[in-house]
C-alpha cells in the first residue's frame, strides 16, 4: 500500500496545491497547510465556500484563485480578473502588524494581516462576487488545539490531517452516469492511499498508520461531509441536483458518536513527525504498536 497523492491548502477554503512531499512537524503541523485565511475586515469572520449554522461568509468563487508555493515558502496568487501579474504573499515579520482575534466558525484564533497591498488585491477580487472589505491573514495555528488530539489545528475544521483512498473515490465515481466524475479536490485530503484490490473505505478501519520509515499518524474520527462536496472546485458553482451528496447518501449514511452523517475520509493526528513522500509505503500498525 503506497502514498499516491499529497495536497495542501495554503489558504483555507481555497484551491488545493499538489505536493511531492510534506513536512509534518512534532507539534502536528503540516508545512504550508492552512497557514492563511481570508476574513471580512469589520467582523474578522472567515470567508470560505460555505456558511455553517449561520456562521461564516460564503464566497465559493474564491476557489477560482490560483495559488503557487514559491521556493522560499512564500505564496503567489493569480486571477484573470486582476490582470496578468501574480501577486506575492510573504508572511508578516513578527509584530509588524497587530494581532487579530479571528473567527473560524464558532472558534477564535489569532493571526496578522499580511499587508495593505495584498488585502487591497483580495478585496478587489472578492468584490467581483460580494462587495466588501477583506484581508488575507497569516494564522497562528498554536492558538487553537484539537479537542481530541491536543494538537494545533488553527483554521482547520477538525484535525491536522485528512486521509482518503483511491478505492473510495473510484467506487463513488462508478455510481454516476452520463460521464460525470469528480476528483479528490471535492474532498480536500492531505494524503491519498492506493493499492491494487484495496477495499473502498478500508481507511475507516485503520487505527494507526506508518508512512515511510518514521512518520506515524493515529485515527481521530471519520470526516462528515457538507455542501462543499457538490461545489465545483474549478468554478465555485454548485453541481446541478447535487449528485455527489445524493450518491454518497445511498451507502455512506452512517452513525458515529450517536450522530448521523455522510462520511468520506478519516481525520488523523500526528504521533511521530517526519517527511512523507509520494511513493512511500504505508503500514497499518498492529494494536500492540499503537502505544509505541
Protein backbone atom coordinates (compact mmCIF):
# COMPACT_ATOMS: atom_id res chain seq x y z
CA UNK A 1 0.00 0.00 0.00
CA UNK A 2 1.51 3.30 -1.11
CA UNK A 3 1.06 7.03 -0.77
CA UNK A 4 -0.11 8.16 -4.22
CA UNK A 5 -1.07 11.83 -3.82
CA UNK A 6 -0.31 14.69 -1.43
CA UNK A 7 -2.10 18.03 -1.11
CA UNK A 8 -2.05 21.16 0.98
CA UNK A 9 -4.48 24.06 1.13
CA UNK A 10 -2.26 27.09 1.86
CA UNK A 11 -5.32 29.35 2.21
CA UNK A 12 -8.38 27.99 4.00
CA UNK A 13 -11.22 27.07 1.62
CA UNK A 14 -9.14 27.95 -1.45
CA UNK A 15 -7.51 25.81 -4.11
CA UNK A 16 -5.53 22.68 -3.23
CA UNK A 17 -1.86 22.59 -4.23
CA UNK A 18 -0.39 19.16 -5.11
CA UNK A 19 2.95 18.33 -3.45
CA UNK A 20 5.54 15.61 -3.88
CA UNK A 21 6.39 15.62 -0.17
CA UNK A 22 5.06 17.03 3.11
CA UNK A 23 6.93 18.04 6.22
CA UNK A 24 4.96 17.00 9.32
CA UNK A 25 6.23 18.72 12.47
CA UNK A 26 6.49 17.38 16.01
CA UNK A 27 3.70 19.78 17.02
CA UNK A 28 1.35 18.16 14.49
CA UNK A 29 1.53 20.99 11.96
CA UNK A 30 1.86 20.33 8.23
CA UNK A 31 4.06 22.84 6.47
CA UNK A 32 2.18 25.10 4.01
CA UNK A 33 -1.25 23.73 5.01
CA UNK A 34 -3.93 26.18 6.23
CA UNK A 35 -1.34 28.81 7.04
CA UNK A 36 -3.51 31.65 5.73
CA UNK A 37 -7.18 32.59 5.62
CA UNK A 38 -9.34 35.33 4.17
CA UNK A 39 -11.51 37.34 6.58
CA UNK A 40 -14.07 40.10 6.29
CA UNK A 41 -12.37 43.17 7.76
CA UNK A 42 -15.09 44.57 10.02
CA UNK A 43 -16.19 41.27 11.61
CA UNK A 44 -12.97 39.20 11.20
CA UNK A 45 -15.22 36.30 10.12
CA UNK A 46 -13.72 33.72 7.81
CA UNK A 47 -14.53 33.85 4.11
CA UNK A 48 -14.96 30.43 2.55
CA UNK A 49 -17.05 28.30 0.24
CA UNK A 50 -19.93 27.79 2.66
CA UNK A 51 -21.83 29.03 5.69
CA UNK A 52 -22.30 26.67 8.64
CA UNK A 53 -25.01 27.24 11.24
CA UNK A 54 -25.40 30.79 10.02
CA UNK A 55 -21.72 31.48 10.70
CA UNK A 56 -19.12 32.50 8.10
CA UNK A 57 -19.21 34.38 4.81
CA UNK A 58 -19.75 32.28 1.70
CA UNK A 59 -17.96 33.29 -1.49
CA UNK A 60 -17.43 29.95 -3.24
CA UNK A 61 -15.92 31.66 -6.29
CA UNK A 62 -12.66 32.19 -4.35
CA UNK A 63 -11.80 28.64 -5.46
CA UNK A 64 -11.01 30.18 -8.88
CA UNK A 65 -7.91 31.92 -7.47
CA UNK A 66 -4.69 30.16 -8.45
CA UNK A 67 -2.06 29.60 -5.73
CA UNK A 68 1.63 28.87 -6.15
CA UNK A 69 4.04 27.95 -3.35
CA UNK A 70 7.42 29.52 -4.07
CA UNK A 71 10.82 28.02 -3.27
CA UNK A 72 11.27 30.34 -0.28
CA UNK A 73 7.91 29.33 1.22
CA UNK A 74 6.02 32.48 0.20
CA UNK A 75 2.88 32.31 -1.93
CA UNK A 76 1.94 33.87 -5.23
CA UNK A 77 -1.71 34.46 -6.17
CA UNK A 78 -3.32 34.94 -9.56
CA UNK A 79 -6.76 35.54 -11.03
CA UNK A 80 -7.52 36.82 -14.56
CA UNK A 81 -9.88 39.45 -13.08
CA UNK A 82 -6.79 41.06 -11.55
CA UNK A 83 -4.64 41.33 -14.67
CA UNK A 84 -1.77 39.25 -15.96
CA UNK A 85 0.63 39.50 -13.00
CA UNK A 86 0.93 37.24 -9.96
CA UNK A 87 0.95 38.96 -6.56
CA UNK A 88 3.47 37.73 -4.00
CA UNK A 89 2.38 36.96 -0.43
CA UNK A 90 5.12 36.95 2.21
CA UNK A 91 4.35 36.30 5.91
CA UNK A 92 4.42 39.46 8.05
CA UNK A 93 7.52 39.91 10.14
CA UNK A 94 6.97 39.40 13.87
CA UNK A 95 4.77 42.13 15.39
CA UNK A 96 4.82 44.15 12.16
CA UNK A 97 1.01 44.15 12.12
CA UNK A 98 -1.30 43.91 15.17
CA UNK A 99 -2.50 40.53 16.38
CA UNK A 100 -6.15 39.98 15.45
CA UNK A 101 -8.83 37.78 17.05
CA UNK A 102 -10.17 35.88 14.03
CA UNK A 103 -13.37 33.84 13.80
CA UNK A 104 -13.40 30.30 12.40
CA UNK A 105 -17.00 29.16 12.69
CA UNK A 106 -17.60 29.49 16.44
CA UNK A 107 -13.91 29.28 17.35
CA UNK A 108 -11.39 32.05 17.85
CA UNK A 109 -7.79 32.03 16.62
CA UNK A 110 -5.09 34.66 16.30
CA UNK A 111 -3.47 35.99 13.17
CA UNK A 112 -1.93 39.02 11.49
CA UNK A 113 -2.79 40.85 8.27
CA UNK A 114 -0.20 40.20 5.54
CA UNK A 115 -0.07 43.73 4.15
CA UNK A 116 -2.33 46.54 2.98
CA UNK A 117 -1.32 45.86 -0.65
CA UNK A 118 -2.30 42.17 -0.50
CA UNK A 119 -5.56 42.97 1.31
CA UNK A 120 -6.44 45.53 -1.37
CA UNK A 121 -5.84 42.91 -4.06
CA UNK A 122 -8.02 40.37 -2.19
CA UNK A 123 -10.75 42.99 -1.64
CA UNK A 124 -10.88 43.90 -5.33
CA UNK A 125 -11.04 40.23 -6.32
CA UNK A 126 -13.77 39.14 -3.90
CA UNK A 127 -15.81 42.28 -4.56
CA UNK A 128 -16.46 40.93 -8.06
CA UNK A 129 -18.85 38.49 -6.34
CA UNK A 130 -19.56 40.01 -2.91
CA UNK A 131 -18.77 43.69 -2.33
CA UNK A 132 -16.96 44.39 0.92
CA UNK A 133 -13.57 44.88 2.50
CA UNK A 134 -11.38 41.83 3.11
CA UNK A 135 -7.96 40.85 4.42
CA UNK A 136 -5.57 37.97 3.91
CA UNK A 137 -4.13 36.96 7.27
CA UNK A 138 -1.37 34.65 8.47
CA UNK A 139 -2.81 32.27 11.05
CA UNK A 140 -1.15 31.44 14.36
CA UNK A 141 -2.02 27.73 14.41
CA UNK A 142 -0.97 27.32 18.02
CA UNK A 143 -3.85 29.43 19.30
CA UNK A 144 -6.38 26.65 18.73
CA UNK A 145 -5.88 23.00 19.69
CA UNK A 146 -7.86 20.00 18.52
CA UNK A 147 -10.10 18.80 21.34
CA UNK A 148 -9.20 15.12 20.79
CA UNK A 149 -5.62 15.13 19.53
CA UNK A 150 -4.49 18.14 21.55
CA UNK A 151 -2.51 19.35 18.55
CA UNK A 152 -2.57 22.77 16.87
CA UNK A 153 -5.11 22.98 14.08
CA UNK A 154 -5.52 26.73 13.59
CA UNK A 155 -8.14 27.26 10.88
CA UNK A 156 -8.52 23.55 10.00
CA UNK A 157 -12.07 22.41 10.74
CA UNK A 158 -11.33 19.26 12.73
CA UNK A 159 -7.85 17.73 12.79
CA UNK A 160 -4.33 18.14 11.34
CA UNK A 161 -4.50 15.52 8.60
CA UNK A 162 -7.17 14.01 6.30
CA UNK A 163 -6.66 10.59 4.68
CA UNK A 164 -8.65 9.17 1.74
CA UNK A 165 -8.14 6.17 -0.53
CA UNK A 166 -8.23 5.92 -4.30
CA UNK A 167 -10.53 2.90 -3.99
CA UNK A 168 -13.15 5.01 -2.21
CA UNK A 169 -13.15 7.66 -4.93
CA UNK A 170 -13.18 5.06 -7.71
CA UNK A 171 -16.24 3.36 -6.23
CA UNK A 172 -18.06 6.69 -5.87
CA UNK A 173 -17.36 7.60 -9.50
CA UNK A 174 -18.88 4.29 -10.56
CA UNK A 175 -22.21 5.47 -9.13
CA UNK A 176 -22.52 8.37 -11.58
CA UNK A 177 -23.94 8.31 -15.09
CA UNK A 178 -23.67 10.46 -18.22
CA UNK A 179 -19.88 10.68 -17.96
CA UNK A 180 -19.91 12.73 -14.74
CA UNK A 181 -16.95 12.15 -12.43
CA UNK A 182 -15.06 14.01 -9.71
CA UNK A 183 -11.55 14.17 -8.33
CA UNK A 184 -10.09 14.43 -4.86
CA UNK A 185 -10.38 18.21 -4.91
CA UNK A 186 -14.02 17.69 -3.84
CA UNK A 187 -12.87 16.06 -0.59
CA UNK A 188 -9.69 18.06 0.08
CA UNK A 189 -7.48 15.31 1.60
CA UNK A 190 -3.83 15.74 2.53
CA UNK A 191 -2.99 12.09 1.85
CA UNK A 192 -4.31 9.67 -0.77
CA UNK A 193 -3.60 5.96 -0.37
CA UNK A 194 -3.62 3.46 -3.24
CA UNK A 195 -3.24 -0.31 -3.57
CA UNK A 196 -4.47 -2.91 -6.04
CA UNK A 197 -7.61 -4.60 -4.68
CA UNK A 198 -7.88 -2.24 -1.70
CA UNK A 199 -11.49 -2.22 -0.48
CA UNK A 200 -13.43 1.02 -0.63
CA UNK A 201 -13.30 2.91 2.65
CA UNK A 202 -10.81 0.46 4.12
CA UNK A 203 -9.26 3.55 5.71
CA UNK A 204 -12.24 3.74 8.08
CA UNK A 205 -10.89 0.72 9.95
CA UNK A 206 -7.27 1.75 10.40
CA UNK A 207 -6.21 2.84 13.86
CA UNK A 208 -2.60 3.97 13.44
CA UNK A 209 -0.54 4.06 10.26
CA UNK A 210 3.16 4.48 9.49
CA UNK A 211 4.17 6.28 6.31
CA UNK A 212 7.72 5.74 5.13
CA UNK A 213 10.23 4.90 7.85
CA UNK A 214 9.34 7.35 10.61
CA UNK A 215 6.10 9.35 10.38
CA UNK A 216 3.11 7.88 12.23
CA UNK A 217 -0.50 9.01 12.42
CA UNK A 218 -3.42 7.97 14.58
CA UNK A 219 -7.08 7.94 13.65
CA UNK A 220 -9.24 10.54 15.34
CA UNK A 221 -12.61 10.24 13.60
CA UNK A 222 -14.38 9.88 10.26
CA UNK A 223 -14.91 13.05 8.24
CA UNK A 224 -18.56 14.11 7.99
CA UNK A 225 -19.30 15.81 4.69
CA UNK A 226 -21.13 19.03 3.91
CA UNK A 227 -22.34 21.01 0.89
CA UNK A 228 -18.77 21.66 -0.31
CA UNK A 229 -18.56 18.25 -1.97
CA UNK A 230 -21.13 19.49 -4.51
CA UNK A 231 -19.32 22.77 -5.23
CA UNK A 232 -17.35 22.60 -8.47
CA UNK A 233 -13.78 23.18 -7.30
CA UNK A 234 -12.81 24.90 -10.52
CA UNK A 235 -15.67 27.41 -10.77
CA UNK A 236 -17.31 27.68 -7.36
CA UNK A 237 -20.70 26.79 -8.81
CA UNK A 238 -22.93 24.11 -7.27
CA UNK A 239 -23.39 20.96 -9.33
CA UNK A 240 -26.95 20.61 -10.62
CA UNK A 241 -29.02 18.24 -8.43
CA UNK A 242 -26.08 17.81 -6.00
CA UNK A 243 -25.02 14.41 -7.40
CA UNK A 244 -22.11 13.77 -5.00
CA UNK A 245 -24.11 14.03 -1.80
CA UNK A 246 -27.00 12.13 -3.38
CA UNK A 247 -24.75 9.23 -4.38
CA UNK A 248 -22.99 9.04 -1.02
CA UNK A 249 -26.27 9.15 0.88
CA UNK A 250 -27.18 5.76 -0.61
CA UNK A 251 -24.27 3.91 1.01
CA UNK A 252 -22.35 6.23 3.35
CA UNK A 253 -25.07 7.48 5.69
CA UNK A 254 -23.64 6.30 9.00
CA UNK A 255 -23.96 6.99 12.69
CA UNK A 256 -20.86 7.77 14.73
CA UNK A 257 -20.71 9.20 18.25
CA UNK A 258 -24.52 8.91 18.20
CA UNK A 259 -24.71 11.40 15.33
CA UNK A 260 -25.79 10.52 11.78
CA UNK A 261 -23.76 11.85 8.89
CA UNK A 262 -22.43 11.18 5.41
CA UNK A 263 -18.76 10.28 5.73
CA UNK A 264 -15.82 10.20 3.34
CA UNK A 265 -12.22 10.14 4.57
CA UNK A 266 -10.65 9.90 8.02
CA UNK A 267 -9.05 12.55 10.22
CA UNK A 268 -5.71 11.66 11.79
CA UNK A 269 -3.49 13.22 14.42
CA UNK A 270 0.30 13.13 14.34
CA UNK A 271 2.06 10.57 16.56
CA UNK A 272 5.58 10.85 15.15
CA UNK A 273 6.83 13.64 12.85
CA UNK A 274 8.72 13.22 9.62
CA UNK A 275 8.85 13.90 5.92
CA UNK A 276 6.41 11.87 3.81
CA UNK A 277 6.74 11.50 0.05
CA UNK A 278 4.70 10.20 -2.87
CA UNK A 279 5.55 6.53 -3.31
CA UNK A 280 6.20 5.93 0.40
CA UNK A 281 4.90 2.63 1.71
CA UNK A 282 2.03 2.77 4.22
CA UNK A 283 1.67 0.22 7.01
CA UNK A 284 -1.33 -0.24 9.27
CA UNK A 285 0.13 -0.75 12.73
CA UNK A 286 -0.99 -3.64 14.95
CA UNK A 287 -2.68 -2.68 18.21
CA UNK A 288 0.46 -3.63 20.12
CA UNK A 289 2.40 -0.92 18.28
CA UNK A 290 -0.09 1.89 18.84
CA UNK A 291 1.38 2.91 22.15
CA UNK A 292 4.98 2.64 20.93
